[in-house]
Protein backbone atom coordinates (compact mmCIF):
# COMPACT_ATOMS: atom_id res chain seq x y z
CA UNK A 1 83.60 68.67 -115.45
CA UNK A 2 82.29 68.21 -111.86
CA UNK A 3 80.64 65.24 -110.67
CA UNK A 4 76.95 65.64 -109.99
CA UNK A 5 76.06 65.23 -106.25
CA UNK A 6 74.65 61.64 -105.54
CA UNK A 7 70.70 61.88 -105.12
CA UNK A 8 69.73 61.98 -101.74
CA UNK A 9 68.39 58.89 -100.23
CA UNK A 10 65.46 58.25 -97.72
CA UNK A 11 66.47 57.31 -94.24
CA UNK A 12 64.51 53.93 -94.71
CA UNK A 13 66.76 52.82 -97.49
CA UNK A 14 69.79 53.57 -95.50
CA UNK A 15 68.62 51.77 -92.31
CA UNK A 16 67.73 48.89 -94.51
CA UNK A 17 71.09 48.54 -95.84
CA UNK A 18 72.58 49.36 -92.16
CA UNK A 19 70.39 46.33 -91.01
CA UNK A 20 72.30 44.22 -93.67
CA UNK A 21 75.89 45.49 -92.27
CA UNK A 22 74.44 44.71 -88.77
CA UNK A 23 74.71 41.13 -89.76
CA UNK A 24 78.52 41.34 -89.99
CA UNK A 25 78.48 43.13 -86.67
CA UNK A 26 76.72 40.16 -85.11
CA UNK A 27 79.23 37.61 -86.32
CA UNK A 28 82.24 39.50 -84.99
CA UNK A 29 80.34 39.82 -81.66
CA UNK A 30 79.87 36.00 -81.51
CA UNK A 31 83.73 35.44 -81.79
CA UNK A 32 84.68 37.80 -78.92
CA UNK A 33 85.90 35.99 -76.07
CA UNK A 34 84.30 38.35 -73.37
CA UNK A 35 81.33 39.54 -71.73
CA UNK A 36 78.97 39.87 -74.69
CA UNK A 37 76.05 41.78 -72.66
CA UNK A 38 76.83 45.19 -73.65
CA UNK A 39 77.38 44.38 -77.47
CA UNK A 40 74.17 42.66 -77.29
CA UNK A 41 72.05 45.62 -75.76
CA UNK A 42 73.49 48.02 -78.12
CA UNK A 43 73.00 45.84 -81.42
CA UNK A 44 69.41 45.11 -80.18
CA UNK A 45 68.59 48.73 -79.79
CA UNK A 46 70.25 49.69 -82.82
CA UNK A 47 68.30 46.84 -84.69
CA UNK A 48 64.94 48.13 -83.33
CA UNK A 49 65.75 51.71 -84.41
CA UNK A 50 66.47 50.52 -87.75
CA UNK A 51 63.72 48.39 -88.19
CA UNK A 52 61.41 51.22 -87.08
CA UNK A 53 62.75 53.49 -89.33
CA UNK A 54 62.32 51.16 -92.34
CA UNK A 55 58.64 50.62 -91.16
CA UNK A 56 57.95 54.50 -90.70
CA UNK A 57 59.82 55.78 -93.57
CA UNK A 58 60.34 59.31 -92.06
CA UNK A 59 60.99 62.08 -94.19
CA UNK A 60 64.79 63.02 -94.58
CA UNK A 61 64.00 66.74 -93.35
CA UNK A 62 62.80 65.06 -89.70
CA UNK A 63 64.92 62.34 -89.54
CA UNK A 64 66.96 63.42 -86.67
CA UNK A 65 63.90 64.60 -84.70
CA UNK A 66 62.09 61.12 -85.54
CA UNK A 67 65.09 59.54 -84.12
CA UNK A 68 65.11 61.50 -81.05
CA UNK A 69 61.30 60.89 -80.43
CA UNK A 70 62.25 56.93 -80.84
CA UNK A 71 64.79 57.63 -78.01
CA UNK A 72 62.75 59.25 -75.43
CA UNK A 73 62.03 57.19 -72.48
CA UNK A 74 58.28 57.35 -73.22
CA UNK A 75 58.86 55.69 -76.38
CA UNK A 76 61.36 52.85 -75.58
CA UNK A 77 60.99 51.65 -72.11
CA UNK A 78 62.89 48.54 -72.48
CA UNK A 79 66.42 50.03 -72.58
CA UNK A 80 67.88 52.80 -70.59
CA UNK A 81 67.21 56.15 -72.11
CA UNK A 82 70.72 57.49 -72.46
CA UNK A 83 71.80 54.09 -74.30
CA UNK A 84 68.93 54.38 -76.85
CA UNK A 85 69.95 58.34 -77.37
CA UNK A 86 73.62 57.20 -77.99
CA UNK A 87 72.36 54.49 -80.41
CA UNK A 88 70.11 56.82 -82.24
CA UNK A 89 72.98 59.46 -82.58
CA UNK A 90 75.09 56.80 -84.21
CA UNK A 91 72.02 55.77 -86.60
CA UNK A 92 71.62 59.44 -87.65
CA UNK A 93 75.52 60.11 -88.01
CA UNK A 94 75.62 57.01 -90.28
CA UNK A 95 72.64 58.25 -92.40
CA UNK A 96 74.66 61.61 -92.83
CA UNK A 97 77.79 59.76 -94.03
CA UNK A 98 76.03 58.26 -96.67
CA UNK A 99 75.47 61.76 -97.89
CA UNK A 100 79.24 62.82 -97.60
CA UNK A 101 81.09 59.85 -97.92
CA UNK A 102 80.80 58.39 -101.34
CA UNK A 103 82.81 55.20 -100.36
CA UNK A 104 80.23 54.37 -97.64
CA UNK A 105 77.32 54.85 -99.58
CA UNK A 106 78.72 52.54 -102.37
CA UNK A 107 79.54 49.97 -99.88
CA UNK A 108 76.04 50.01 -98.59
CA UNK A 109 74.69 49.97 -102.13
CA UNK A 110 76.74 46.65 -102.64
CA UNK A 111 75.06 45.24 -99.64
CA UNK A 112 77.39 45.89 -97.24
CA UNK A 113 79.84 43.08 -97.99
CA UNK A 114 81.76 42.03 -95.16
CA UNK A 115 84.11 38.82 -94.82
CA UNK A 116 82.53 38.60 -91.29
CA UNK A 117 79.07 38.20 -92.96
CA UNK A 118 80.11 35.98 -95.85
CA UNK A 119 81.87 33.53 -93.39
CA UNK A 120 78.95 33.38 -91.15
CA UNK A 121 76.55 32.60 -94.09
CA UNK A 122 79.02 29.81 -95.29
CA UNK A 123 79.10 28.54 -91.61
CA UNK A 124 82.75 29.50 -91.47
CA UNK A 125 84.16 32.10 -89.07
CA UNK A 126 85.35 35.24 -90.88
CA UNK A 127 88.37 37.36 -90.15
CA UNK A 128 89.00 38.35 -86.32
């Protein structure tokens, strides 16, 4: 008997879950022994896009167009438009992965657990 396809999810839910996963990225970034400027910029752009998606709660059918609008130079003047467009594409691909990869969706539904995030929450370094 075939399993039912998972129910579609709204981009806002996915983006809220991705914000939790971003915390682990922050923990890994802080431990790197190199210039962190590019990481900091990329994570700031991604955080801004994810938070905006949670606030605006765009419909799934227009999510890609919504992200492209957010990535336009007229919408975001604080970062280079190419960088914002690249991060918007990553966010869209992660949203698509929720619909095609059951393990990824399950991980997000569990709160995106990570040794890096757990270590940071306990004040201990996570695994490199």
